[in-house]
């Protein structure tokens, strides 16, 4: 065989090998799972007893990336002496597995604190309170890294991830327009309100969530009856904070807030959307729960049980699962941007496990 024929044979072999290689492309990597954020919300948790431990144990089964405490984090007055037993040791099994905590201040966290004298705006830090008052340990809580107050501020925001999918705006409702405001009588902490407006306006998050202790929307807690011999006194239960709602709702609607989580009332309640915003009361993190008055057409779901709310948010859906201290699902649903009503998930639905590698 002459050189030209040998060359043609060699070329044919090379072409054939190339064609064979082209017919068998390298396997492509599997598609990435959709981005998601997994968060949990619970309030009124800092009892240090078996109820709080049972709720904690259920949280351990799902390991959200971030847990948001909705106030009354350390009973009964936010005392530093109880931080270890009612917070640090209680949640150490979660913290040791890289779960972040971020807290809001509740009325019991500042129970023994007055407001500092101020001629101008209230400070965004703990020194808005008279931190040298006997028994006032709010500065210790805000400075404690475990509670996750960003930059030692009493109000701040946290993103779920760099995108971000979710941004959570944590407020100090004790100085806002609640019925027993620390900023008596008006609750006009205008510096905090102005900060919130600016922060919401500049947020790039797909989902905007606000947390605070006192509920702008809530069913009325069931009244209590006290009897002594032939005398009987009936006291009405806690109601929703209407003045707080009037103070915040126009801004929350204008700035596209999706969800508000509050505590204070020791039960679970989900209201029908109000002005396009979902309002939850999740005050069953540790204290004994109590019942509330029926609210047909206003309360979509609820009950008296210890629990937390687990959230799974993606680009297209905001899912919520209410899990009690026995591990049972008590309410579950989801909604997309712009939905006027929630879509229920199957009765008993629990959060799906995270995708591998998440």
Protein backbone atom coordinates (compact mmCIF):
# COMPACT_ATOMS: atom_id res chain seq x y z
CA UNK A 1 0.00 0.00 0.00
CA UNK A 2 1.51 3.33 -1.09
CA UNK A 3 1.81 6.31 1.22
CA UNK A 4 -1.28 8.14 -0.15
CA UNK A 5 -3.55 5.12 0.45
CA UNK A 6 -2.07 4.62 3.94
CA UNK A 7 -2.72 8.28 4.70
CA UNK A 8 -6.33 8.00 3.56
CA UNK A 9 -6.80 4.94 5.79
CA UNK A 10 -5.36 6.77 8.77
CA UNK A 11 -7.69 9.74 8.17
CA UNK A 12 -10.67 7.39 7.93
CA UNK A 13 -9.78 5.81 11.26
CA UNK A 14 -9.43 9.22 12.93
CA UNK A 15 -12.76 10.39 11.49
CA UNK A 16 -14.48 7.20 12.67
CA UNK A 17 -13.07 7.55 16.17
CA UNK A 18 -14.17 11.20 16.22
CA UNK A 19 -17.66 10.27 15.12
CA UNK A 20 -17.82 7.58 17.80
CA UNK A 21 -16.79 10.13 20.40
CA UNK A 22 -19.38 12.61 19.14
CA UNK A 23 -22.07 9.95 19.43
CA UNK A 24 -21.28 9.46 23.14
CA UNK A 25 -21.25 12.88 24.88
CA UNK A 26 -20.11 13.01 28.47
CA UNK A 27 -23.04 12.76 30.90
CA UNK A 28 -24.26 16.19 32.03
CA UNK A 29 -24.56 17.16 35.69
CA UNK A 30 -28.05 16.79 37.18
CA UNK A 31 -30.00 20.06 37.35
CA UNK A 32 -29.64 22.03 40.56
CA UNK A 33 -32.64 21.91 42.90
CA UNK A 34 -34.60 25.19 43.08
CA UNK A 35 -33.34 27.75 45.56
CA UNK A 36 -35.19 27.70 48.85
CA UNK A 37 -35.13 29.24 52.33
CA UNK A 38 -36.14 27.32 55.44
CA UNK A 39 -37.06 29.32 58.52
CA UNK A 40 -39.01 28.84 61.75
CA UNK A 41 -41.01 31.31 63.84
CA UNK A 42 -42.15 30.99 67.46
CA UNK A 43 -42.96 33.31 70.30
CA UNK A 44 -43.35 33.34 74.08
CA UNK A 45 -40.89 30.50 74.42
CA UNK A 46 -38.59 31.30 77.35
CA UNK A 47 -40.18 29.21 80.09
CA UNK A 48 -37.33 26.75 80.61
CA UNK A 49 -39.77 23.89 81.18
CA UNK A 50 -40.99 20.71 79.52
CA UNK A 51 -43.26 22.56 77.09
CA UNK A 52 -40.36 24.55 75.67
CA UNK A 53 -38.23 21.40 75.45
CA UNK A 54 -40.91 19.52 73.53
CA UNK A 55 -41.19 22.32 70.97
CA UNK A 56 -37.39 22.44 70.74
CA UNK A 57 -37.25 18.70 70.11
CA UNK A 58 -39.62 19.05 67.16
CA UNK A 59 -37.47 21.85 65.73
CA UNK A 60 -34.53 19.46 65.86
CA UNK A 61 -36.28 17.14 63.41
CA UNK A 62 -36.39 19.82 60.70
CA UNK A 63 -33.32 22.00 61.34
CA UNK A 64 -34.36 25.29 59.76
CA UNK A 65 -31.46 27.49 58.80
CA UNK A 66 -32.80 30.37 60.91
CA UNK A 67 -35.16 30.54 63.89
CA UNK A 68 -36.92 33.81 64.71
CA UNK A 69 -38.05 34.31 68.30
CA UNK A 70 -41.02 36.66 68.59
CA UNK A 71 -40.39 38.00 72.08
CA UNK A 72 -40.76 36.96 75.72
CA UNK A 73 -37.56 35.06 75.12
CA UNK A 74 -36.71 34.81 78.84
CA UNK A 75 -39.45 34.74 81.47
CA UNK A 76 -40.54 36.38 83.55
CA UNK A 77 -38.67 39.66 83.15
CA UNK A 78 -35.76 39.01 80.78
CA UNK A 79 -33.36 38.38 83.68
CA UNK A 80 -29.78 37.61 82.72
CA UNK A 81 -29.66 34.98 85.47
CA UNK A 82 -32.04 32.84 83.39
CA UNK A 83 -30.35 33.19 79.99
CA UNK A 84 -28.49 29.89 80.38
CA UNK A 85 -31.39 27.66 81.46
CA UNK A 86 -34.15 29.24 79.37
CA UNK A 87 -32.25 30.02 76.19
CA UNK A 88 -28.62 28.93 75.80
CA UNK A 89 -28.85 25.39 77.18
CA UNK A 90 -32.34 24.92 75.80
CA UNK A 91 -31.37 25.69 72.20
CA UNK A 92 -27.73 24.51 72.25
CA UNK A 93 -28.64 21.29 70.36
CA UNK A 94 -29.87 23.49 67.50
CA UNK A 95 -27.06 26.05 67.67
CA UNK A 96 -24.45 23.27 67.62
CA UNK A 97 -25.90 22.23 64.26
CA UNK A 98 -25.44 25.72 62.78
CA UNK A 99 -29.03 26.93 63.26
CA UNK A 100 -29.07 30.73 63.66
CA UNK A 101 -31.35 32.48 66.15
CA UNK A 102 -32.67 36.03 65.79
CA UNK A 103 -34.92 37.54 68.44
CA UNK A 104 -37.43 40.34 68.88
CA UNK A 105 -38.04 41.95 72.26
CA UNK A 106 -41.27 41.08 74.05
CA UNK A 107 -42.97 42.89 76.90
CA UNK A 108 -41.53 40.44 79.44
CA UNK A 109 -38.01 41.04 78.12
CA UNK A 110 -38.30 44.73 79.12
CA UNK A 111 -40.80 44.31 81.97
CA UNK A 112 -38.60 46.05 84.54
CA UNK A 113 -37.19 48.65 82.14
CA UNK A 114 -38.32 52.24 81.80
CA UNK A 115 -37.52 54.40 78.79
CA UNK A 116 -34.42 56.54 78.83
CA UNK A 117 -34.87 60.30 78.82
CA UNK A 118 -34.62 61.46 75.22
CA UNK A 119 -35.41 64.80 73.61
CA UNK A 120 -34.89 63.50 70.11
CA UNK A 121 -35.46 60.12 68.47
CA UNK A 122 -35.20 56.97 70.56
CA UNK A 123 -31.96 55.09 70.16
CA UNK A 124 -32.09 51.96 67.97
CA UNK A 125 -30.03 50.18 70.63
CA UNK A 126 -30.81 48.91 74.11
CA UNK A 127 -30.00 52.29 75.64
CA UNK A 128 -33.44 53.43 74.50
CA UNK A 129 -34.36 51.84 77.83
CA UNK A 130 -33.09 52.80 81.27
CA UNK A 131 -30.65 49.94 81.28
CA UNK A 132 -29.38 50.80 84.75
CA UNK A 133 -32.78 50.30 86.32
CA UNK A 134 -32.73 47.47 88.84
CA UNK A 135 -33.73 44.24 87.08
CA UNK A 136 -33.51 45.70 83.56
CA UNK A 137 -31.22 43.35 81.63
CA UNK A 138 -32.28 44.25 78.10
CA UNK A 139 -28.78 45.45 77.22
CA UNK A 140 -27.39 42.01 78.12
CA UNK A 141 -29.93 40.27 75.90
CA UNK A 142 -29.34 42.57 72.93
CA UNK A 143 -25.55 42.21 73.32
CA UNK A 144 -25.65 38.41 73.62
CA UNK A 145 -24.59 36.96 70.25
CA UNK A 146 -26.79 33.90 70.73
CA UNK A 147 -29.99 35.94 70.49
CA UNK A 148 -28.83 37.29 67.14
CA UNK A 149 -29.71 40.98 67.44
CA UNK A 150 -27.86 42.42 64.45
CA UNK A 151 -25.29 45.10 65.36
CA UNK A 152 -26.77 45.11 68.89
CA UNK A 153 -29.88 46.87 67.63
CA UNK A 154 -33.38 46.33 69.02
CA UNK A 155 -34.76 46.47 65.46
CA UNK A 156 -32.92 45.20 62.38
CA UNK A 157 -33.27 42.98 59.31
CA UNK A 158 -31.83 39.60 58.32
CA UNK A 159 -31.66 37.99 54.86
CA UNK A 160 -32.07 34.27 54.34
CA UNK A 161 -29.38 34.01 51.65
CA UNK A 162 -27.34 36.27 49.32
CA UNK A 163 -30.07 36.53 46.62
CA UNK A 164 -32.07 37.08 48.91
CA UNK A 165 -35.22 34.95 48.75
CA UNK A 166 -36.49 36.22 52.12
CA UNK A 167 -35.71 39.29 54.20
CA UNK A 168 -37.06 39.39 57.75
CA UNK A 169 -37.56 42.78 59.43
CA UNK A 170 -37.49 42.45 63.22
CA UNK A 171 -39.22 45.20 65.22
CA UNK A 172 -39.38 46.28 68.87
CA UNK A 173 -43.12 46.76 69.30
CA UNK A 174 -42.75 47.80 72.96
CA UNK A 175 -42.17 51.42 71.87
CA UNK A 176 -44.76 51.43 69.09
CA UNK A 177 -48.51 52.10 69.22
CA UNK A 178 -49.60 49.22 71.47
CA UNK A 179 -52.07 49.53 74.32
CA UNK A 180 -49.37 49.36 77.01
CA UNK A 181 -46.58 51.11 75.10
CA UNK A 182 -43.38 52.01 76.88
CA UNK A 183 -43.44 55.30 74.96
CA UNK A 184 -46.55 56.52 76.73
CA UNK A 185 -49.05 57.59 75.57
CA UNK A 186 -48.51 57.75 71.81
CA UNK A 187 -46.11 54.92 70.99
CA UNK A 188 -44.64 57.23 68.38
CA UNK A 189 -41.19 55.70 67.98
CA UNK A 190 -40.90 57.56 64.68
CA UNK A 191 -37.22 56.72 64.23
CA UNK A 192 -38.03 52.98 64.19
CA UNK A 193 -40.96 53.52 61.80
CA UNK A 194 -38.79 55.62 59.47
CA UNK A 195 -36.07 52.96 59.52
CA UNK A 196 -38.62 50.29 58.60
CA UNK A 197 -39.98 52.33 55.70
CA UNK A 198 -36.48 52.90 54.29
CA UNK A 199 -35.40 49.29 54.81
CA UNK A 200 -38.51 47.88 53.13
CA UNK A 201 -38.19 50.27 50.20
CA UNK A 202 -34.58 49.24 49.54
CA UNK A 203 -35.10 45.48 49.99
CA UNK A 204 -34.43 43.27 46.95
CA UNK A 205 -35.98 40.18 48.58
CA UNK A 206 -38.56 38.08 46.80
CA UNK A 207 -40.49 37.72 50.09
CA UNK A 208 -40.69 40.41 52.79
CA UNK A 209 -41.56 39.25 56.31
CA UNK A 210 -42.07 41.39 59.43
CA UNK A 211 -41.75 39.99 62.96
CA UNK A 212 -42.70 41.65 66.22
CA UNK A 213 -44.11 40.67 69.59
CA UNK A 214 -47.50 42.37 69.74
CA UNK A 215 -50.04 41.27 67.09
CA UNK A 216 -51.58 43.89 64.79
CA UNK A 217 -54.16 41.21 63.94
CA UNK A 218 -55.34 38.47 66.29
CA UNK A 219 -58.51 36.88 67.59
CA UNK A 220 -59.44 37.98 71.10
CA UNK A 221 -58.10 35.71 73.80
CA UNK A 222 -60.83 34.03 75.77
CA UNK A 223 -61.97 35.99 78.83
CA UNK A 224 -61.19 34.73 82.32
CA UNK A 225 -63.59 34.38 85.21
CA UNK A 226 -62.47 34.74 88.83
CA UNK A 227 -64.83 33.64 91.61
CA UNK A 228 -64.59 34.35 95.33
CA UNK A 229 -67.51 33.04 97.37
CA UNK A 230 -70.62 34.68 95.90
CA UNK A 231 -68.72 37.21 93.81
CA UNK A 232 -67.67 36.77 90.21
CA UNK A 233 -65.40 38.93 88.04
CA UNK A 234 -64.99 38.42 84.31
CA UNK A 235 -62.02 39.93 82.51
CA UNK A 236 -61.78 40.14 78.74
CA UNK A 237 -58.82 38.50 77.06
CA UNK A 238 -56.15 40.28 75.06
CA UNK A 239 -57.33 41.80 71.82
CA UNK A 240 -55.47 42.67 68.66
CA UNK A 241 -53.42 45.88 68.71
CA UNK A 242 -55.59 48.06 66.47
CA UNK A 243 -53.56 51.21 66.99
CA UNK A 244 -50.38 49.37 66.04
CA UNK A 245 -52.10 48.15 62.90
CA UNK A 246 -53.13 51.71 62.03
CA UNK A 247 -49.53 52.82 62.56
CA UNK A 248 -47.92 50.17 60.37
CA UNK A 249 -50.44 48.74 57.88
CA UNK A 250 -50.38 51.55 55.27
CA UNK A 251 -46.59 51.28 55.04
CA UNK A 252 -46.54 47.48 55.01
CA UNK A 253 -49.04 47.41 52.16
CA UNK A 254 -47.25 50.15 50.22
CA UNK A 255 -43.88 48.40 50.52
CA UNK A 256 -45.13 44.96 49.50
CA UNK A 257 -44.83 43.06 52.79
CA UNK A 258 -46.05 39.49 52.38
CA UNK A 259 -46.30 38.10 55.92
CA UNK A 260 -46.35 39.33 59.54
CA UNK A 261 -45.53 36.96 62.42
CA UNK A 262 -46.34 38.00 66.01
CA UNK A 263 -46.57 36.37 69.43
CA UNK A 264 -47.87 37.72 72.78
CA UNK A 265 -51.08 35.66 72.67
CA UNK A 266 -50.32 32.10 73.69
CA UNK A 267 -52.03 30.26 70.86
CA UNK A 268 -51.82 29.73 67.11
CA UNK A 269 -53.97 31.78 64.74
CA UNK A 270 -53.86 32.51 61.04
CA UNK A 271 -56.05 35.32 59.84
CA UNK A 272 -57.56 35.60 56.38
CA UNK A 273 -55.39 38.00 54.34
CA UNK A 274 -55.73 41.62 55.44
CA UNK A 275 -54.93 44.15 52.74
CA UNK A 276 -53.01 41.48 50.87
CA UNK A 277 -50.84 40.59 53.91
CA UNK A 278 -50.86 37.26 55.80
CA UNK A 279 -50.93 37.70 59.59
CA UNK A 280 -49.97 34.86 61.95
CA UNK A 281 -50.00 34.69 65.75
CA UNK A 282 -47.55 32.04 66.91
CA UNK A 283 -47.27 32.47 70.67
CA UNK A 284 -47.06 28.80 71.64
CA UNK A 285 -43.30 28.36 71.98
CA UNK A 286 -43.30 27.34 75.64
CA UNK A 287 -45.92 28.93 77.86
CA UNK A 288 -49.24 27.20 78.63
CA UNK A 289 -51.57 28.00 75.72
CA UNK A 290 -55.02 29.50 76.06
CA UNK A 291 -58.13 29.58 73.90
CA UNK A 292 -59.53 32.46 71.89
CA UNK A 293 -62.97 33.71 70.93
CA UNK A 294 -64.29 32.48 67.55
CA UNK A 295 -63.80 34.88 64.66
CA UNK A 296 -65.78 33.66 61.62
CA UNK A 297 -64.64 35.37 58.43
CA UNK A 298 -61.54 36.73 60.19
CA UNK A 299 -59.66 33.73 61.64
CA UNK A 300 -58.83 31.14 58.99
CA UNK A 301 -57.28 28.57 61.36
CA UNK A 302 -55.96 28.27 64.89
CA UNK A 303 -56.04 26.57 68.26
CA UNK A 304 -54.62 26.35 71.77
CA UNK A 305 -51.44 24.25 71.59
CA UNK A 306 -47.68 24.65 71.84
CA UNK A 307 -46.07 24.86 68.43
CA UNK A 308 -43.86 26.64 65.92
CA UNK A 309 -44.42 27.70 62.31
CA UNK A 310 -42.00 26.26 59.75
CA UNK A 311 -41.60 28.11 56.46
CA UNK A 312 -40.22 26.88 53.15
CA UNK A 313 -39.93 29.69 50.63
CA UNK A 314 -38.96 29.36 46.98
CA UNK A 315 -39.05 31.79 44.09
CA UNK A 316 -42.63 30.80 43.30
CA UNK A 317 -44.26 29.79 46.61
CA UNK A 318 -44.36 30.57 50.33
CA UNK A 319 -45.22 27.39 52.24
CA UNK A 320 -46.05 27.21 55.95
CA UNK A 321 -46.41 24.22 58.27
CA UNK A 322 -47.66 24.52 61.86
CA UNK A 323 -46.09 21.75 63.95
CA UNK A 324 -47.17 21.12 67.54
CA UNK A 325 -45.08 19.82 70.43
CA UNK A 326 -46.10 16.24 69.61
CA UNK A 327 -44.91 16.49 66.01
CA UNK A 328 -48.39 16.75 64.48
CA UNK A 329 -49.23 19.08 61.61
CA UNK A 330 -52.02 21.46 62.71
CA UNK A 331 -52.22 23.73 59.66
CA UNK A 332 -50.38 23.80 56.34
CA UNK A 333 -50.73 25.77 53.13
CA UNK A 334 -49.02 27.91 50.55
CA UNK A 335 -49.53 30.96 48.39
CA UNK A 336 -47.86 32.59 45.42
CA UNK A 337 -47.24 36.28 44.85
CA UNK A 338 -50.52 38.05 44.24
CA UNK A 339 -52.76 35.20 45.44
CA UNK A 340 -55.86 36.50 47.19
CA UNK A 341 -56.36 33.25 49.11
CA UNK A 342 -54.10 30.47 50.39
CA UNK A 343 -54.00 26.98 48.92
CA UNK A 344 -54.31 24.25 51.58
CA UNK A 345 -51.83 21.41 51.68
CA UNK A 346 -52.97 17.88 52.50
CA UNK A 347 -54.25 17.33 56.03
CA UNK A 348 -51.29 16.29 58.16
CA UNK A 349 -48.72 17.65 55.70
CA UNK A 350 -45.22 18.07 57.12
CA UNK A 351 -42.21 19.87 55.57
CA UNK A 352 -40.47 17.92 52.80
CA UNK A 353 -36.83 17.01 53.52
CA UNK A 354 -34.23 19.35 52.01
CA UNK A 355 -32.62 18.36 48.73
CA UNK A 356 -29.23 16.61 49.10
CA UNK A 357 -26.44 19.09 49.71
CA UNK A 358 -28.69 21.76 51.20
